[in-house]
PDB file of N, CA and C in Angstrom:
ATOM      1  N   SER A   1      23.352  -9.306 -10.353  1.00  0.00           N
ATOM      2  CA  SER A   1      23.066  -7.930  -9.948  1.00  0.00           C
ATOM      3  C   SER A   1      22.288  -8.312  -8.813  1.00  0.00           C
ATOM      4  N   PRO A   2      22.369  -7.220  -8.125  1.00  0.00           N
ATOM      5  CA  PRO A   2      21.854  -7.031  -6.956  1.00  0.00           C
ATOM      6  C   PRO A   2      20.030  -7.208  -6.752  1.00  0.00           C
ATOM      7  N   GLU A   3      19.777  -7.719  -5.967  1.00  0.00           N
ATOM      8  CA  GLU A   3      18.045  -7.323  -6.179  1.00  0.00           C
ATOM      9  C   GLU A   3      17.574  -6.280  -5.502  1.00  0.00           C
ATOM     10  N   LEU A   4      16.749  -5.634  -5.914  1.00  0.00           N
ATOM     11  CA  LEU A   4      15.671  -4.488  -6.131  1.00  0.00           C
ATOM     12  C   LEU A   4      15.503  -4.005  -4.802  1.00  0.00           C
ATOM     13  N   ASN A   5      15.380  -2.868  -4.411  1.00  0.00           N
ATOM     14  CA  ASN A   5      14.490  -3.291  -2.720  1.00  0.00           C
ATOM     15  C   ASN A   5      13.177  -2.333  -3.571  1.00  0.00           C
ATOM     16  N   LEU A   6      12.024  -2.685  -2.702  1.00  0.00           N
ATOM     17  CA  LEU A   6      10.770  -2.284  -2.777  1.00  0.00           C
ATOM     18  C   LEU A   6      10.329  -1.231  -3.568  1.00  0.00           C
ATOM     19  N   ILE A   7      11.195  -0.161  -3.030  1.00  0.00           N
ATOM     20  CA  ILE A   7      10.924   1.359  -4.059  1.00  0.00           C
ATOM     21  C   ILE A   7      11.154   0.709  -5.071  1.00  0.00           C
ATOM     22  N   GLU A   8      12.093   0.838  -5.370  1.00  0.00           N
ATOM     23  CA  GLU A   8      12.947   0.583  -6.490  1.00  0.00           C
ATOM     24  C   GLU A   8      12.081  -0.189  -7.681  1.00  0.00           C
ATOM     25  N   ILE A   9      11.293  -1.192  -6.794  1.00  0.00           N
ATOM     26  CA  ILE A   9      10.469  -2.057  -7.750  1.00  0.00           C
ATOM     27  C   ILE A   9       9.303  -1.391  -8.270  1.00  0.00           C
ATOM     28  N   LEU A  10       8.881  -0.648  -7.098  1.00  0.00           N
ATOM     29  CA  LEU A  10       7.358   0.459  -7.144  1.00  0.00           C
ATOM     30  C   LEU A  10       7.845   1.536  -7.983  1.00  0.00           C
ATOM     31  N   TRP A  11       8.583   1.887  -8.272  1.00  0.00           N
ATOM     32  CA  TRP A  11       9.348   2.907  -9.111  1.00  0.00           C
ATOM     33  C   TRP A  11       9.299   2.521 -10.766  1.00  0.00           C
ATOM     34  N   ARG A  12      10.204   1.249 -10.743  1.00  0.00           N
ATOM     35  CA  ARG A  12      10.593   0.610 -12.009  1.00  0.00           C
ATOM     36  C   ARG A  12       9.137   0.600 -13.267  1.00  0.00           C
ATOM     37  N   ARG A  13       7.515  -0.350 -12.094  1.00  0.00           N
ATOM     38  CA  ARG A  13       6.525  -0.256 -12.281  1.00  0.00           C
ATOM     39  C   ARG A  13       5.671   0.949 -12.809  1.00  0.00           C
ATOM     40  N   ILE A  14       5.922   1.540 -12.126  1.00  0.00           N
ATOM     41  CA  ILE A  14       5.363   3.038 -12.322  1.00  0.00           C
ATOM     42  C   ILE A  14       5.735   3.690 -13.720  1.00  0.00           C
ATOM     43  N   LYS A  15       7.192   3.955 -13.894  1.00  0.00           N
ATOM     44  CA  LYS A  15       7.526   4.302 -14.940  1.00  0.00           C
ATOM     45  C   LYS A  15       7.709   3.862 -16.291  1.00  0.00           C
ATOM     46  N   TYR A  16       7.433   2.519 -15.893  1.00  0.00           N
ATOM     47  CA  TYR A  16       7.565   1.594 -17.426  1.00  0.00           C
ATOM     48  C   TYR A  16       6.170   0.595 -18.245  1.00  0.00           C
ATOM     49  N   GLU A  17       5.397   0.716 -16.899  1.00  0.00           N
ATOM     50  CA  GLU A  17       4.639   0.384 -16.885  1.00  0.00           C
ATOM     51  C   GLU A  17       3.125   1.253 -16.769  1.00  0.00           C
ATOM     52  N   TRP A  18       2.802   2.002 -15.511  1.00  0.00           N
ATOM     53  CA  TRP A  18       1.441   2.693 -15.679  1.00  0.00           C
ATOM     54  C   TRP A  18       1.275   4.214 -16.092  1.00  0.00           C
ATOM     55  N   ILE A  19       2.948   4.722 -16.008  1.00  0.00           N
ATOM     56  CA  ILE A  19       2.864   5.608 -16.723  1.00  0.00           C
ATOM     57  C   ILE A  19       2.843   6.154 -18.231  1.00  0.00           C
ATOM     58  N   PRO A  20       2.005   6.543 -18.985  1.00  0.00           N
ATOM     59  CA  PRO A  20       2.241   6.247 -20.446  1.00  0.00           C
ATOM     60  C   PRO A  20       3.676   7.322 -21.061  1.00  0.00           C
ATOM     61  N   PHE A  21       4.303   6.867 -22.201  1.00  0.00           N
ATOM     62  CA  PHE A  21       4.947   7.786 -22.871  1.00  0.00           C
ATOM     63  C   PHE A  21       4.218   9.421 -22.907  1.00  0.00           C
ATOM     64  N   ASP A  22       3.198   9.814 -23.381  1.00  0.00           N
ATOM     65  CA  ASP A  22       2.988  10.853 -22.918  1.00  0.00           C
ATOM     66  C   ASP A  22       2.595  11.884 -21.893  1.00  0.00           C
ATOM     67  N   ALA A  23       2.877  11.118 -21.347  1.00  0.00           N
ATOM     68  CA  ALA A  23       2.381  11.904 -19.405  1.00  0.00           C
ATOM     69  C   ALA A  23       3.773  12.788 -19.420  1.00  0.00           C
ATOM     70  N   TYR A  24       5.255  12.674 -19.957  1.00  0.00           N
ATOM     71  CA  TYR A  24       6.009  13.145 -20.302  1.00  0.00           C
ATOM     72  C   TYR A  24       6.759  14.239 -20.710  1.00  0.00           C
ATOM     73  N   SER A  25       5.001  14.833 -21.432  1.00  0.00           N
ATOM     74  CA  SER A  25       5.450  15.809 -22.235  1.00  0.00           C
ATOM     75  C   SER A  25       5.407  17.319 -21.526  1.00  0.00           C
ATOM     76  N   CYS A  26       5.164  17.101 -20.485  1.00  0.00           N
ATOM     77  CA  CYS A  26       5.102  18.419 -19.393  1.00  0.00           C
ATOM     78  C   CYS A  26       5.034  18.233 -18.293  1.00  0.00           C
ATOM     79  N   PHE A  27       5.768  18.580 -16.676  1.00  0.00           N
ATOM     80  CA  PHE A  27       5.944  18.763 -15.837  1.00  0.00           C
ATOM     81  C   PHE A  27       4.269  18.233 -15.112  1.00  0.00           C
ATOM     82  N   GLU A  28       3.592  18.778 -15.550  1.00  0.00           N
ATOM     83  CA  GLU A  28       2.181  19.302 -14.832  1.00  0.00           C
ATOM     84  C   GLU A  28       1.115  18.107 -15.501  1.00  0.00           C
ATOM     85  N   ASN A  29       1.402  16.948 -16.250  1.00  0.00           N
ATOM     86  CA  ASN A  29       1.174  15.951 -17.288  1.00  0.00           C
ATOM     87  C   ASN A  29       1.243  15.120 -16.289  1.00  0.00           C
ATOM     88  N   LEU A  30       2.607  15.312 -15.725  1.00  0.00           N
ATOM     89  CA  LEU A  30       3.862  13.807 -14.943  1.00  0.00           C
ATOM     90  C   LEU A  30       3.012  13.849 -13.561  1.00  0.00           C
ATOM     91  N   LYS A  31       2.989  14.890 -13.019  1.00  0.00           N
ATOM     92  CA  LYS A  31       2.151  15.250 -11.672  1.00  0.00           C
ATOM     93  C   LYS A  31       1.028  14.697 -11.575  1.00  0.00           C
ATOM     94  N   GLU A  32      -0.030  14.989 -12.697  1.00  0.00           N
ATOM     95  CA  GLU A  32      -1.491  14.524 -12.750  1.00  0.00           C
ATOM     96  C   GLU A  32      -1.056  12.889 -12.717  1.00  0.00           C
ATOM     97  N   ARG A  33      -0.504  12.368 -13.796  1.00  0.00           N
ATOM     98  CA  ARG A  33      -0.517  10.687 -13.932  1.00  0.00           C
ATOM     99  C   ARG A  33      -0.062  10.160 -12.477  1.00  0.00           C
ATOM    100  N   LEU A  34       0.852  10.787 -12.166  1.00  0.00           N
ATOM    101  CA  LEU A  34       1.833   9.969 -11.114  1.00  0.00           C
ATOM    102  C   LEU A  34       0.843  10.036  -9.524  1.00  0.00           C
ATOM    103  N   ALA A  35       0.261  11.391  -9.709  1.00  0.00           N
ATOM    104  CA  ALA A  35      -0.974  11.316  -8.407  1.00  0.00           C
ATOM    105  C   ALA A  35      -2.122  10.328  -8.702  1.00  0.00           C
ATOM    106  N   GLU A  36      -2.510  10.426  -9.756  1.00  0.00           N
ATOM    107  CA  GLU A  36      -3.817   8.902 -10.434  1.00  0.00           C
ATOM    108  C   GLU A  36      -3.041   7.933 -10.082  1.00  0.00           C
ATOM    109  N   VAL A  37      -1.985   7.352 -10.363  1.00  0.00           N
ATOM    110  CA  VAL A  37      -1.066   6.081 -10.248  1.00  0.00           C
ATOM    111  C   VAL A  37      -1.250   5.823  -8.490  1.00  0.00           C
ATOM    112  N   LEU A  38      -0.291   7.060  -7.584  1.00  0.00           N
ATOM    113  CA  LEU A  38      -0.516   6.735  -6.271  1.00  0.00           C
ATOM    114  C   LEU A  38      -1.568   6.745  -5.773  1.00  0.00           C
ATOM    115  N   THR A  39      -2.964   7.485  -6.025  1.00  0.00           N
ATOM    116  CA  THR A  39      -4.203   7.366  -5.527  1.00  0.00           C
ATOM    117  C   THR A  39      -4.465   5.792  -5.438  1.00  0.00           C
ATOM    118  N   ASN A  40      -4.411   4.915  -6.712  1.00  0.00           N
ATOM    119  CA  ASN A  40      -5.281   4.174  -7.109  1.00  0.00           C
ATOM    120  C   ASN A  40      -4.572   2.588  -7.137  1.00  0.00           C
ATOM    121  N   PHE A  41      -3.165   3.141  -6.185  1.00  0.00           N
ATOM    122  CA  PHE A  41      -2.430   1.969  -5.871  1.00  0.00           C
ATOM    123  C   PHE A  41      -2.860   0.925  -5.029  1.00  0.00           C
ATOM    124  N   ASN A  42      -3.040  -0.578  -4.709  1.00  0.00           N
ATOM    125  CA  ASN A  42      -3.559  -1.287  -4.299  1.00  0.00           C
ATOM    126  C   ASN A  42      -5.048  -1.308  -4.863  1.00  0.00           C
ATOM    127  N   GLY A  43      -5.491  -0.776  -5.904  1.00  0.00           N
ATOM    128  CA  GLY A  43      -6.988  -0.775  -6.368  1.00  0.00           C
ATOM    129  C   GLY A  43      -6.163  -1.729  -7.955  1.00  0.00           C
ATOM    130  N   LYS A  44      -6.661  -0.692  -9.000  1.00  0.00           N
ATOM    131  CA  LYS A  44      -6.276  -0.686 -10.638  1.00  0.00           C
ATOM    132  C   LYS A  44      -4.737  -0.894 -10.586  1.00  0.00           C
ATOM    133  N   TYR A  45      -4.044  -0.591  -9.556  1.00  0.00           N
ATOM    134  CA  TYR A  45      -2.224  -0.499  -9.621  1.00  0.00           C
ATOM    135  C   TYR A  45      -2.097  -1.335  -8.699  1.00  0.00           C
ATOM    136  N   ASP A  46      -1.642  -2.189  -8.950  1.00  0.00           N
ATOM    137  CA  ASP A  46      -1.167  -3.849  -7.657  1.00  0.00           C
ATOM    138  C   ASP A  46      -0.017  -3.910  -8.223  1.00  0.00           C
ATOM    139  N   ILE A  47       0.953  -4.575  -6.814  1.00  0.00           N
ATOM    140  CA  ILE A  47       2.142  -5.322  -7.504  1.00  0.00           C
ATOM    141  C   ILE A  47       1.958  -6.491  -6.635  1.00  0.00           C
ATOM    142  N   ILE A  48       1.873  -7.439  -6.949  1.00  0.00           N
ATOM    143  CA  ILE A  48       2.140  -9.125  -5.860  1.00  0.00           C
ATOM    144  C   ILE A  48       3.950  -9.379  -6.067  1.00  0.00           C
ATOM    145  N   PHE A  49       4.285  -9.265  -5.125  1.00  0.00           N
ATOM    146  CA  PHE A  49       5.518  -9.718  -4.402  1.00  0.00           C
ATOM    147  C   PHE A  49       5.787 -10.979  -4.188  1.00  0.00           C
TER     148      PHE A  49
END
């Protein structure tokens, strides 16, 4: 299979590792959790390529 590009790697990490399942219960929760991840990217949340 082809390699994932960088944004696909980031989204997969956010979706499956950094955002808990209960964040998907409503759109507001999802927005809050996603904002928290993106705000803390390269700090609390990091990817080493």
